[in-house]
Amino acid sequence: MSKVNRLEWSRQVATLNERIRGFQADPSKERLEAAIDELRAYAEAARAGGIEIPTRFTAN
């Protein structure tokens, strides 16, 4: 995994965590939807190969 890929993956995980923390702080329907949308976008990018996930973070 290149340094650029690690930085992009780290940025996406940070954004995802921020959405989840936002929902935890204010459990509104809008924040829940934002967190779910972020999770779906992350999963789709991983599935399509748009992001590379470090092997230590994948389950075999």
PDB file of N, CA and C in Angstrom:
ATOM      1  N   MET A   1       0.863  -1.168   0.000  1.00  0.00           N
ATOM      2  CA  MET A   1       0.000   0.000   0.000  1.00  0.00           C
ATOM      3  C   MET A   1       0.903   1.222   0.000  1.00  0.00           C
ATOM      4  N   SER A   2       0.666   2.092  -0.952  1.00  0.00           N
ATOM      5  CA  SER A   2       1.487   3.299  -1.055  1.00  0.00           C
ATOM      6  C   SER A   2       1.116   4.307   0.034  1.00  0.00           C
ATOM      7  N   LYS A   3       2.000   5.259   0.214  1.00  0.00           N
ATOM      8  CA  LYS A   3       1.758   6.300   1.215  1.00  0.00           C
ATOM      9  C   LYS A   3       0.502   7.097   0.871  1.00  0.00           C
ATOM     10  N   VAL A   4       0.303   7.384  -0.401  1.00  0.00           N
ATOM     11  CA  VAL A   4      -0.887   8.131  -0.841  1.00  0.00           C
ATOM     12  C   VAL A   4      -2.145   7.332  -0.538  1.00  0.00           C
ATOM     13  N   ASN A   5      -2.119   6.030  -0.814  1.00  0.00           N
ATOM     14  CA  ASN A   5      -3.279   5.178  -0.528  1.00  0.00           C
ATOM     15  C   ASN A   5      -3.562   5.123   0.965  1.00  0.00           C
ATOM     16  N   ARG A   6      -2.512   5.025   1.768  1.00  0.00           N
ATOM     17  CA  ARG A   6      -2.708   5.000   3.225  1.00  0.00           C
ATOM     18  C   ARG A   6      -3.316   6.303   3.710  1.00  0.00           C
ATOM     19  N   LEU A   7      -2.855   7.420   3.159  1.00  0.00           N
ATOM     20  CA  LEU A   7      -3.404   8.719   3.558  1.00  0.00           C
ATOM     21  C   LEU A   7      -4.873   8.849   3.159  1.00  0.00           C
ATOM     22  N   GLU A   8      -5.215   8.395   1.965  1.00  0.00           N
ATOM     23  CA  GLU A   8      -6.604   8.454   1.505  1.00  0.00           C
ATOM     24  C   GLU A   8      -7.489   7.554   2.370  1.00  0.00           C
ATOM     25  N   TRP A   9      -7.023   6.349   2.651  1.00  0.00           N
ATOM     26  CA  TRP A   9      -7.779   5.439   3.501  1.00  0.00           C
ATOM     27  C   TRP A   9      -7.970   6.048   4.884  1.00  0.00           C
ATOM     28  N   SER A  10      -6.906   6.615   5.432  1.00  0.00           N
ATOM     29  CA  SER A  10      -6.976   7.242   6.752  1.00  0.00           C
ATOM     30  C   SER A  10      -7.970   8.399   6.762  1.00  0.00           C
ATOM     31  N   ARG A  11      -7.985   9.189   5.701  1.00  0.00           N
ATOM     32  CA  ARG A  11      -8.918  10.312   5.596  1.00  0.00           C
ATOM     33  C   ARG A  11     -10.359   9.812   5.559  1.00  0.00           C
ATOM     34  N   GLN A  12     -10.605   8.772   4.804  1.00  0.00           N
ATOM     35  CA  GLN A  12     -11.960   8.239   4.704  1.00  0.00           C
ATOM     36  C   GLN A  12     -12.435   7.633   6.024  1.00  0.00           C
ATOM     37  N   VAL A  13     -11.548   6.958   6.719  1.00  0.00           N
ATOM     38  CA  VAL A  13     -11.906   6.403   8.019  1.00  0.00           C
ATOM     39  C   VAL A  13     -12.181   7.527   9.013  1.00  0.00           C
ATOM     40  N   ALA A  14     -11.380   8.583   8.973  1.00  0.00           N
ATOM     41  CA  ALA A  14     -11.601   9.725   9.872  1.00  0.00           C
ATOM     42  C   ALA A  14     -12.953  10.377   9.598  1.00  0.00           C
ATOM     43  N   THR A  15     -13.309  10.530   8.342  1.00  0.00           N
ATOM     44  CA  THR A  15     -14.599  11.113   7.978  1.00  0.00           C
ATOM     45  C   THR A  15     -15.740  10.218   8.465  1.00  0.00           C
ATOM     46  N   LEU A  16     -15.588   8.931   8.272  1.00  0.00           N
ATOM     47  CA  LEU A  16     -16.593   7.978   8.732  1.00  0.00           C
ATOM     48  C   LEU A  16     -16.746   8.049  10.252  1.00  0.00           C
ATOM     49  N   ASN A  17     -15.641   8.065  10.963  1.00  0.00           N
ATOM     50  CA  ASN A  17     -15.698   8.158  12.428  1.00  0.00           C
ATOM     51  C   ASN A  17     -16.326   9.469  12.879  1.00  0.00           C
ATOM     52  N   GLU A  18     -16.052  10.544  12.176  1.00  0.00           N
ATOM     53  CA  GLU A  18     -16.644  11.843  12.517  1.00  0.00           C
ATOM     54  C   GLU A  18     -18.166  11.806  12.378  1.00  0.00           C
ATOM     55  N   ARG A  19     -18.654  11.183  11.318  1.00  0.00           N
ATOM     56  CA  ARG A  19     -20.104  11.049  11.123  1.00  0.00           C
ATOM     57  C   ARG A  19     -20.734  10.239  12.258  1.00  0.00           C
ATOM     58  N   ILE A  20     -20.072   9.149  12.623  1.00  0.00           N
ATOM     59  CA  ILE A  20     -20.612   8.299  13.689  1.00  0.00           C
ATOM     60  C   ILE A  20     -20.600   9.046  15.016  1.00  0.00           C
ATOM     61  N   ARG A  21     -19.523   9.759  15.314  1.00  0.00           N
ATOM     62  CA  ARG A  21     -19.468  10.548  16.551  1.00  0.00           C
ATOM     63  C   ARG A  21     -20.540  11.635  16.554  1.00  0.00           C
ATOM     64  N   GLY A  22     -20.773  12.242  15.403  1.00  0.00           N
ATOM     65  CA  GLY A  22     -21.824  13.252  15.295  1.00  0.00           C
ATOM     66  C   GLY A  22     -23.187  12.680  15.629  1.00  0.00           C
ATOM     67  N   PHE A  23     -23.445  11.477  15.147  1.00  0.00           N
ATOM     68  CA  PHE A  23     -24.712  10.823  15.468  1.00  0.00           C
ATOM     69  C   PHE A  23     -24.789  10.484  16.952  1.00  0.00           C
ATOM     70  N   GLN A  24     -23.692  10.001  17.510  1.00  0.00           N
ATOM     71  CA  GLN A  24     -23.692   9.657  18.932  1.00  0.00           C
ATOM     72  C   GLN A  24     -23.931  10.888  19.805  1.00  0.00           C
ATOM     73  N   ALA A  25     -23.398  12.033  19.379  1.00  0.00           N
ATOM     74  CA  ALA A  25     -23.572  13.265  20.149  1.00  0.00           C
ATOM     75  C   ALA A  25     -24.993  13.806  20.028  1.00  0.00           C
ATOM     76  N   ASP A  26     -25.596  13.624  18.860  1.00  0.00           N
ATOM     77  CA  ASP A  26     -26.947  14.131  18.595  1.00  0.00           C
ATOM     78  C   ASP A  26     -27.679  13.085  17.762  1.00  0.00           C
ATOM     79  N   PRO A  27     -28.276  12.083  18.402  1.00  0.00           N
ATOM     80  CA  PRO A  27     -28.887  10.979  17.664  1.00  0.00           C
ATOM     81  C   PRO A  27     -30.183  11.367  16.937  1.00  0.00           C
ATOM     82  N   SER A  28     -30.031  12.233  15.958  1.00  0.00           N
ATOM     83  CA  SER A  28     -31.183  12.628  15.156  1.00  0.00           C
ATOM     84  C   SER A  28     -31.248  11.770  13.893  1.00  0.00           C
ATOM     85  N   LYS A  29     -32.401  11.777  13.272  1.00  0.00           N
ATOM     86  CA  LYS A  29     -32.585  10.998  12.044  1.00  0.00           C
ATOM     87  C   LYS A  29     -31.634  11.475  10.943  1.00  0.00           C
ATOM     88  N   GLU A  30     -31.414  12.782  10.851  1.00  0.00           N
ATOM     89  CA  GLU A  30     -30.530  13.334   9.823  1.00  0.00           C
ATOM     90  C   GLU A  30     -29.091  12.852  10.004  1.00  0.00           C
ATOM     91  N   ARG A  31     -28.639  12.848  11.243  1.00  0.00           N
ATOM     92  CA  ARG A  31     -27.259  12.398  11.514  1.00  0.00           C
ATOM     93  C   ARG A  31     -27.125  10.893  11.302  1.00  0.00           C
ATOM     94  N   LEU A  32     -28.164  10.144  11.621  1.00  0.00           N
ATOM     95  CA  LEU A  32     -28.150   8.712  11.368  1.00  0.00           C
ATOM     96  C   LEU A  32     -28.051   8.451   9.867  1.00  0.00           C
ATOM     97  N   GLU A  33     -28.854   9.146   9.089  1.00  0.00           N
ATOM     98  CA  GLU A  33     -28.812   8.984   7.637  1.00  0.00           C
ATOM     99  C   GLU A  33     -27.443   9.359   7.076  1.00  0.00           C
ATOM    100  N   ALA A  34     -26.842  10.428   7.587  1.00  0.00           N
ATOM    101  CA  ALA A  34     -25.509  10.844   7.133  1.00  0.00           C
ATOM    102  C   ALA A  34     -24.476   9.763   7.445  1.00  0.00           C
ATOM    103  N   ALA A  35     -24.553   9.171   8.635  1.00  0.00           N
ATOM    104  CA  ALA A  35     -23.620   8.115   9.014  1.00  0.00           C
ATOM    105  C   ALA A  35     -23.814   6.882   8.131  1.00  0.00           C
ATOM    106  N   ILE A  36     -25.051   6.520   7.892  1.00  0.00           N
ATOM    107  CA  ILE A  36     -25.335   5.357   7.035  1.00  0.00           C
ATOM    108  C   ILE A  36     -24.856   5.616   5.611  1.00  0.00           C
ATOM    109  N   ASP A  37     -25.097   6.804   5.083  1.00  0.00           N
ATOM    110  CA  ASP A  37     -24.636   7.147   3.737  1.00  0.00           C
ATOM    111  C   ASP A  37     -23.112   7.060   3.642  1.00  0.00           C
ATOM    112  N   GLU A  38     -22.423   7.540   4.683  1.00  0.00           N
ATOM    113  CA  GLU A  38     -20.964   7.487   4.700  1.00  0.00           C
ATOM    114  C   GLU A  38     -20.479   6.034   4.740  1.00  0.00           C
ATOM    115  N   LEU A  39     -21.136   5.207   5.540  1.00  0.00           N
ATOM    116  CA  LEU A  39     -20.787   3.781   5.595  1.00  0.00           C
ATOM    117  C   LEU A  39     -20.994   3.113   4.243  1.00  0.00           C
ATOM    118  N   ARG A  40     -22.105   3.421   3.608  1.00  0.00           N
ATOM    119  CA  ARG A  40     -22.385   2.827   2.291  1.00  0.00           C
ATOM    120  C   ARG A  40     -21.365   3.271   1.252  1.00  0.00           C
ATOM    121  N   ALA A  41     -21.000   4.549   1.265  1.00  0.00           N
ATOM    122  CA  ALA A  41     -20.010   5.065   0.320  1.00  0.00           C
ATOM    123  C   ALA A  41     -18.656   4.387   0.535  1.00  0.00           C
ATOM    124  N   TYR A  42     -18.277   4.224   1.790  1.00  0.00           N
ATOM    125  CA  TYR A  42     -17.014   3.557   2.115  1.00  0.00           C
ATOM    126  C   TYR A  42     -17.041   2.104   1.640  1.00  0.00           C
ATOM    127  N   ALA A  43     -18.124   1.398   1.927  1.00  0.00           N
ATOM    128  CA  ALA A  43     -18.247  -0.001   1.525  1.00  0.00           C
ATOM    129  C   ALA A  43     -18.232  -0.140   0.007  1.00  0.00           C
ATOM    130  N   GLU A  44     -18.916   0.743  -0.680  1.00  0.00           N
ATOM    131  CA  GLU A  44     -18.953   0.674  -2.137  1.00  0.00           C
ATOM    132  C   GLU A  44     -17.579   0.964  -2.732  1.00  0.00           C
ATOM    133  N   ALA A  45     -16.878   1.935  -2.190  1.00  0.00           N
ATOM    134  CA  ALA A  45     -15.526   2.245  -2.678  1.00  0.00           C
ATOM    135  C   ALA A  45     -14.595   1.060  -2.457  1.00  0.00           C
ATOM    136  N   ALA A  46     -14.714   0.413  -1.315  1.00  0.00           N
ATOM    137  CA  ALA A  46     -13.888  -0.765  -1.038  1.00  0.00           C
ATOM    138  C   ALA A  46     -14.245  -1.911  -1.990  1.00  0.00           C
ATOM    139  N   ARG A  47     -15.530  -2.106  -2.208  1.00  0.00           N
ATOM    140  CA  ARG A  47     -15.988  -3.199  -3.082  1.00  0.00           C
ATOM    141  C   ARG A  47     -15.543  -2.961  -4.530  1.00  0.00           C
ATOM    142  N   ALA A  48     -15.605  -1.727  -4.970  1.00  0.00           N
ATOM    143  CA  ALA A  48     -15.267  -1.399  -6.354  1.00  0.00           C
ATOM    144  C   ALA A  48     -13.764  -1.250  -6.570  1.00  0.00           C
ATOM    145  N   GLY A  49     -12.997  -1.306  -5.483  1.00  0.00           N
ATOM    146  CA  GLY A  49     -11.554  -1.156  -5.613  1.00  0.00           C
ATOM    147  C   GLY A  49     -11.103   0.293  -5.625  1.00  0.00           C
ATOM    148  N   GLY A  50     -12.004   1.207  -5.293  1.00  0.00           N
ATOM    149  CA  GLY A  50     -11.668   2.628  -5.283  1.00  0.00           C
ATOM    150  C   GLY A  50     -10.770   3.030  -4.134  1.00  0.00           C
ATOM    151  N   ILE A  51     -10.740   2.202  -3.103  1.00  0.00           N
ATOM    152  CA  ILE A  51      -9.822   2.435  -1.991  1.00  0.00           C
ATOM    153  C   ILE A  51      -9.157   1.111  -1.656  1.00  0.00           C
ATOM    154  N   GLU A  52      -7.970   1.215  -1.159  1.00  0.00           N
ATOM    155  CA  GLU A  52      -7.248   0.029  -0.746  1.00  0.00           C
ATOM    156  C   GLU A  52      -7.252   0.006   0.779  1.00  0.00           C
ATOM    157  N   ILE A  53      -7.720  -1.072   1.358  1.00  0.00           N
ATOM    158  CA  ILE A  53      -7.792  -1.209   2.809  1.00  0.00           C
ATOM    159  C   ILE A  53      -6.582  -2.018   3.259  1.00  0.00           C
ATOM    160  N   PRO A  54      -5.842  -1.514   4.245  1.00  0.00           N
ATOM    161  CA  PRO A  54      -4.678  -2.280   4.724  1.00  0.00           C
ATOM    162  C   PRO A  54      -5.079  -3.689   5.157  1.00  0.00           C
ATOM    163  N   THR A  55      -4.250  -4.659   4.863  1.00  0.00           N
ATOM    164  CA  THR A  55      -4.604  -6.054   5.144  1.00  0.00           C
ATOM    165  C   THR A  55      -4.830  -6.305   6.624  1.00  0.00           C
ATOM    166  N   ARG A  56      -4.200  -5.562   7.508  1.00  0.00           N
ATOM    167  CA  ARG A  56      -4.413  -5.799   8.933  1.00  0.00           C
ATOM    168  C   ARG A  56      -5.814  -5.389   9.379  1.00  0.00           C
ATOM    169  N   PHE A  57      -6.572  -4.680   8.509  1.00  0.00           N
ATOM    170  CA  PHE A  57      -7.927  -4.252   8.842  1.00  0.00           C
ATOM    171  C   PHE A  57      -8.979  -5.068   8.110  1.00  0.00           C
ATOM    172  N   THR A  58      -8.593  -6.159   7.477  1.00  0.00           N
ATOM    173  CA  THR A  58      -9.568  -6.997   6.789  1.00  0.00           C
ATOM    174  C   THR A  58      -9.682  -8.339   7.492  1.00  0.00           C
ATOM    175  N   ALA A  59     -10.869  -8.904   7.438  1.00  0.00           N
ATOM    176  CA  ALA A  59     -11.102 -10.222   8.036  1.00  0.00           C
ATOM    177  C   ALA A  59     -10.978 -11.286   6.948  1.00  0.00           C
ATOM    178  N   ASN A  60     -10.368 -12.357   7.309  1.00  0.00           N
ATOM    179  CA  ASN A  60     -10.213 -13.462   6.338  1.00  0.00           C
ATOM    180  C   ASN A  60     -11.146 -14.585   6.669  1.00  0.00           C
TER     181      ASN A  60
END
